[in-house]
């Protein structure tokens, strides 16, 4: 099975437009509002999820709604979605059901977002810039589908597409990691590159439209 997974990933990387890269010290820049600019992330392994942890860093000066991380399957929108409704209001979706976490606005500053979810308890935990925003119940007993499209920069209204420019991301995203288990979020700072599904040090991705890769500006 492991050989099959590795072979599939190698085939994907060798196909047109797909890259595998150590992205340490780099960021994806989305320079303009667009319905065509996005980055598609390919996980190291495709699997259903009963637990996960997601972390990323980002900067934007947008005040309108936008998507940071969109994970859809063929049968379910918003399997995992990190969506910002307005400055300081984070909408965390699992299985198209939302929990809202609020923080004091800190405009024009980069953010470090980490969130985890476990099916057995339904507990969703959210941290912003190393500080907890609390825990809420979300989709207890649910399983997130594994055959997914994972998109940075746009919010999927269908599997891998149907983007709305008014929900597009404008700014920079870096250090995206996804684990198939709950990582104690106070430990994430020391493990920010080590996601076993999405690993920033060995990122498999395809950029589309006007997306630029440059050295990051912030730590």
Protein backbone atom coordinates (compact mmCIF):
# COMPACT_ATOMS: atom_id res chain seq x y z
CA UNK A 1 0.00 0.00 0.00
CA UNK A 2 2.82 2.42 0.89
CA UNK A 3 4.48 1.77 -2.50
CA UNK A 4 1.16 2.48 -4.22
CA UNK A 5 0.76 5.78 -2.35
CA UNK A 6 4.33 6.86 -3.11
CA UNK A 7 3.90 5.90 -6.76
CA UNK A 8 0.68 7.88 -7.02
CA UNK A 9 2.31 10.95 -5.49
CA UNK A 10 5.33 10.62 -7.80
CA UNK A 11 3.02 10.42 -10.82
CA UNK A 12 1.22 13.56 -9.62
CA UNK A 13 4.48 15.46 -9.18
CA UNK A 14 5.71 14.44 -12.62
CA UNK A 15 2.45 15.56 -14.25
CA UNK A 16 2.14 19.09 -15.55
CA UNK A 17 2.09 21.94 -13.08
CA UNK A 18 2.51 19.93 -9.86
CA UNK A 19 5.61 20.62 -7.74
CA UNK A 20 7.17 19.19 -4.61
CA UNK A 21 9.31 21.65 -2.69
CA UNK A 22 10.85 22.51 0.65
CA UNK A 23 8.97 25.76 1.35
CA UNK A 24 10.82 26.71 4.54
CA UNK A 25 11.24 30.48 4.60
CA UNK A 26 8.84 30.99 1.67
CA UNK A 27 5.27 32.22 1.28
CA UNK A 28 2.55 32.11 -1.34
CA UNK A 29 1.55 35.65 -2.35
CA UNK A 30 -1.91 36.34 -3.76
CA UNK A 31 -1.30 39.84 -5.17
CA UNK A 32 -4.76 40.70 -6.56
CA UNK A 33 -8.42 39.90 -5.97
CA UNK A 34 -9.30 37.13 -8.38
CA UNK A 35 -11.60 34.19 -9.05
CA UNK A 36 -8.79 32.27 -10.79
CA UNK A 37 -5.75 32.49 -8.45
CA UNK A 38 -5.33 29.64 -5.98
CA UNK A 39 -2.96 26.94 -4.75
CA UNK A 40 -4.09 23.31 -4.74
CA UNK A 41 -2.40 21.22 -2.02
CA UNK A 42 -1.92 17.48 -2.45
CA UNK A 43 -1.67 15.56 0.85
CA UNK A 44 1.11 13.06 1.47
CA UNK A 45 -1.62 10.44 2.07
CA UNK A 46 -5.33 10.59 1.25
CA UNK A 47 -7.38 9.24 4.13
CA UNK A 48 -10.59 9.81 6.04
CA UNK A 49 -10.14 11.83 9.22
CA UNK A 50 -11.63 11.37 12.67
CA UNK A 51 -9.12 13.78 14.16
CA UNK A 52 -6.96 16.53 12.71
CA UNK A 53 -4.88 19.60 13.48
CA UNK A 54 -4.46 22.45 11.01
CA UNK A 55 -2.01 25.36 11.34
CA UNK A 56 -1.06 28.22 9.05
CA UNK A 57 0.26 31.76 9.05
CA UNK A 58 -1.14 34.57 6.94
CA UNK A 59 -1.21 38.30 6.34
CA UNK A 60 -3.94 40.37 4.70
CA UNK A 61 -5.42 43.84 5.02
CA UNK A 62 -8.84 42.70 3.79
CA UNK A 63 -11.90 43.74 5.80
CA UNK A 64 -14.42 41.76 3.71
CA UNK A 65 -15.01 37.98 4.05
CA UNK A 66 -12.31 35.63 2.70
CA UNK A 67 -11.21 32.00 2.79
CA UNK A 68 -7.88 30.81 4.19
CA UNK A 69 -8.20 27.02 3.83
CA UNK A 70 -10.87 25.11 1.89
CA UNK A 71 -11.17 21.28 1.95
CA UNK A 72 -14.07 19.82 -0.07
CA UNK A 73 -15.00 16.30 -1.10
CA UNK A 74 -17.18 15.28 -4.02
CA UNK A 75 -20.14 14.73 -1.71
CA UNK A 76 -19.68 17.47 0.90
CA UNK A 77 -18.82 21.17 0.76
CA UNK A 78 -16.85 22.67 3.64
CA UNK A 79 -15.59 19.36 5.04
CA UNK A 80 -12.89 21.56 6.56
CA UNK A 81 -13.03 25.31 6.05
CA UNK A 82 -11.28 28.21 7.74
CA UNK A 83 -13.19 31.32 6.74
CA UNK A 84 -12.89 34.86 8.07
CA UNK A 85 -16.25 36.64 8.07
CA UNK A 86 -14.77 39.92 9.28
CA UNK A 87 -11.67 41.09 11.12
CA UNK A 88 -11.40 39.05 14.32
CA UNK A 89 -14.22 36.58 13.51
CA UNK A 90 -13.08 33.09 12.47
CA UNK A 91 -15.51 30.50 11.14
CA UNK A 92 -14.26 26.93 11.55
CA UNK A 93 -16.29 24.37 9.58
CA UNK A 94 -16.27 20.58 9.88
CA UNK A 95 -18.72 18.63 7.75
CA UNK A 96 -20.40 21.89 6.64
CA UNK A 97 -21.23 22.78 10.25
CA UNK A 98 -19.64 25.86 11.78
CA UNK A 99 -18.21 26.95 15.10
CA UNK A 100 -17.35 30.66 15.40
CA UNK A 101 -14.36 31.92 17.36
CA UNK A 102 -13.86 35.63 18.05
CA UNK A 103 -10.74 37.60 18.91
CA UNK A 104 -9.93 41.24 19.46
CA UNK A 105 -9.11 42.70 16.02
CA UNK A 106 -5.44 43.36 15.34
CA UNK A 107 -5.55 44.80 11.82
CA UNK A 108 -2.51 44.91 9.54
CA UNK A 109 -0.64 42.26 11.54
CA UNK A 110 0.13 38.67 10.47
CA UNK A 111 -1.78 35.86 12.17
CA UNK A 112 -0.76 32.36 13.30
CA UNK A 113 -3.88 30.19 13.39
CA UNK A 114 -4.04 26.64 14.77
CA UNK A 115 -7.13 24.51 15.23
CA UNK A 116 -7.84 20.92 16.12
CA UNK A 117 -10.90 18.68 16.07
CA UNK A 118 -11.63 15.18 17.38
CA UNK A 119 -14.61 13.13 16.36
CA UNK A 120 -15.06 11.18 19.60
CA UNK A 121 -15.84 14.27 21.68
CA UNK A 122 -16.68 16.70 18.88
CA UNK A 123 -14.38 19.23 20.54
CA UNK A 124 -12.95 21.91 18.26
CA UNK A 125 -10.10 23.95 19.74
CA UNK A 126 -8.85 27.22 18.27
CA UNK A 127 -5.64 29.13 18.95
CA UNK A 128 -4.62 32.51 17.55
CA UNK A 129 -1.04 33.77 17.83
CA UNK A 130 -0.27 31.21 20.50
CA UNK A 131 -3.30 32.06 22.67
CA UNK A 132 -6.40 29.85 23.03
CA UNK A 133 -9.78 31.18 21.92
CA UNK A 134 -11.61 28.34 23.64
CA UNK A 135 -13.25 25.03 22.75
CA UNK A 136 -16.62 24.31 21.18
CA UNK A 137 -18.59 21.23 20.14
CA UNK A 138 -18.76 20.42 16.45
CA UNK A 139 -19.95 17.31 14.51
CA UNK A 140 -19.47 14.74 17.27
CA UNK A 141 -19.03 11.25 15.81
CA UNK A 142 -18.42 12.57 12.27
CA UNK A 143 -15.77 11.35 9.79
CA UNK A 144 -14.20 13.80 7.33
CA UNK A 145 -13.93 12.32 3.82
CA UNK A 146 -10.47 11.62 2.45
CA UNK A 147 -10.86 12.13 -1.32
CA UNK A 148 -10.60 15.89 -1.16
CA UNK A 149 -9.60 19.02 -3.02
CA UNK A 150 -7.57 21.29 -0.72
CA UNK A 151 -7.41 24.92 -1.83
CA UNK A 152 -5.61 28.01 -0.54
CA UNK A 153 -6.80 31.43 -1.69
CA UNK A 154 -10.38 30.58 -2.68
CA UNK A 155 -13.52 29.13 -1.10
CA UNK A 156 -14.89 26.14 -3.00
CA UNK A 157 -18.61 26.17 -3.69
CA UNK A 158 -18.19 22.90 -5.60
CA UNK A 159 -15.51 20.22 -5.75
CA UNK A 160 -12.36 22.09 -6.82
CA UNK A 161 -14.10 25.14 -8.24
CA UNK A 162 -16.96 27.66 -8.45
CA UNK A 163 -14.93 30.43 -6.83
CA UNK A 164 -16.30 33.85 -5.87
CA UNK A 165 -13.94 36.82 -6.25
CA UNK A 166 -15.69 38.47 -3.28
CA UNK A 167 -14.45 35.60 -1.04
CA UNK A 168 -10.96 35.36 -2.51
CA UNK A 169 -7.84 35.88 -0.43
CA UNK A 170 -5.52 38.84 -1.02
CA UNK A 171 -2.22 38.68 0.84
CA UNK A 172 0.30 36.03 1.89
CA UNK A 173 0.04 32.51 3.34
CA UNK A 174 2.87 30.36 4.69
CA UNK A 175 3.74 27.43 6.98
CA UNK A 176 0.59 25.41 6.29
CA UNK A 177 0.57 22.04 8.08
CA UNK A 178 -2.12 19.38 8.49
CA UNK A 179 -1.94 16.34 10.80
CA UNK A 180 -4.27 13.34 11.00
CA UNK A 181 -4.34 13.56 14.81
CA UNK A 182 -4.73 16.13 17.54
CA UNK A 183 -1.44 17.88 18.28
CA UNK A 184 -1.35 19.68 21.65
CA UNK A 185 -1.59 23.21 20.33
CA UNK A 186 0.84 24.61 22.88
CA UNK A 187 3.44 22.35 21.19
CA UNK A 188 2.69 23.38 17.60
CA UNK A 189 5.28 26.17 17.50
CA UNK A 190 8.05 23.56 17.68
CA UNK A 191 6.39 21.29 15.10
CA UNK A 192 5.09 23.81 12.57
CA UNK A 193 6.70 22.06 9.59
CA UNK A 194 5.97 18.47 10.57
CA UNK A 195 2.40 17.80 9.40
CA UNK A 196 2.09 14.21 8.21
CA UNK A 197 -0.62 15.04 5.65
CA UNK A 198 0.54 18.49 4.55
CA UNK A 199 4.16 19.27 5.36
CA UNK A 200 5.59 22.70 4.50
CA UNK A 201 9.10 21.24 4.25
CA UNK A 202 7.94 18.74 1.62
CA UNK A 203 4.94 20.44 0.06
CA UNK A 204 3.19 18.91 -2.94
CA UNK A 205 1.16 21.59 -4.68
CA UNK A 206 -0.03 23.21 -7.89
CA UNK A 207 -0.39 26.97 -8.22
CA UNK A 208 -2.96 28.41 -10.59
CA UNK A 209 -3.42 31.93 -11.90
CA UNK A 210 -1.60 34.91 -10.41
CA UNK A 211 0.18 33.37 -7.41
CA UNK A 212 3.82 34.23 -6.63
CA UNK A 213 6.26 32.42 -4.32
CA UNK A 214 8.69 34.69 -2.46
CA UNK A 215 10.71 34.67 0.78
CA UNK A 216 8.40 35.33 3.73
CA UNK A 217 8.46 38.76 5.40
CA UNK A 218 7.44 37.68 8.91
CA UNK A 219 8.63 35.00 11.31
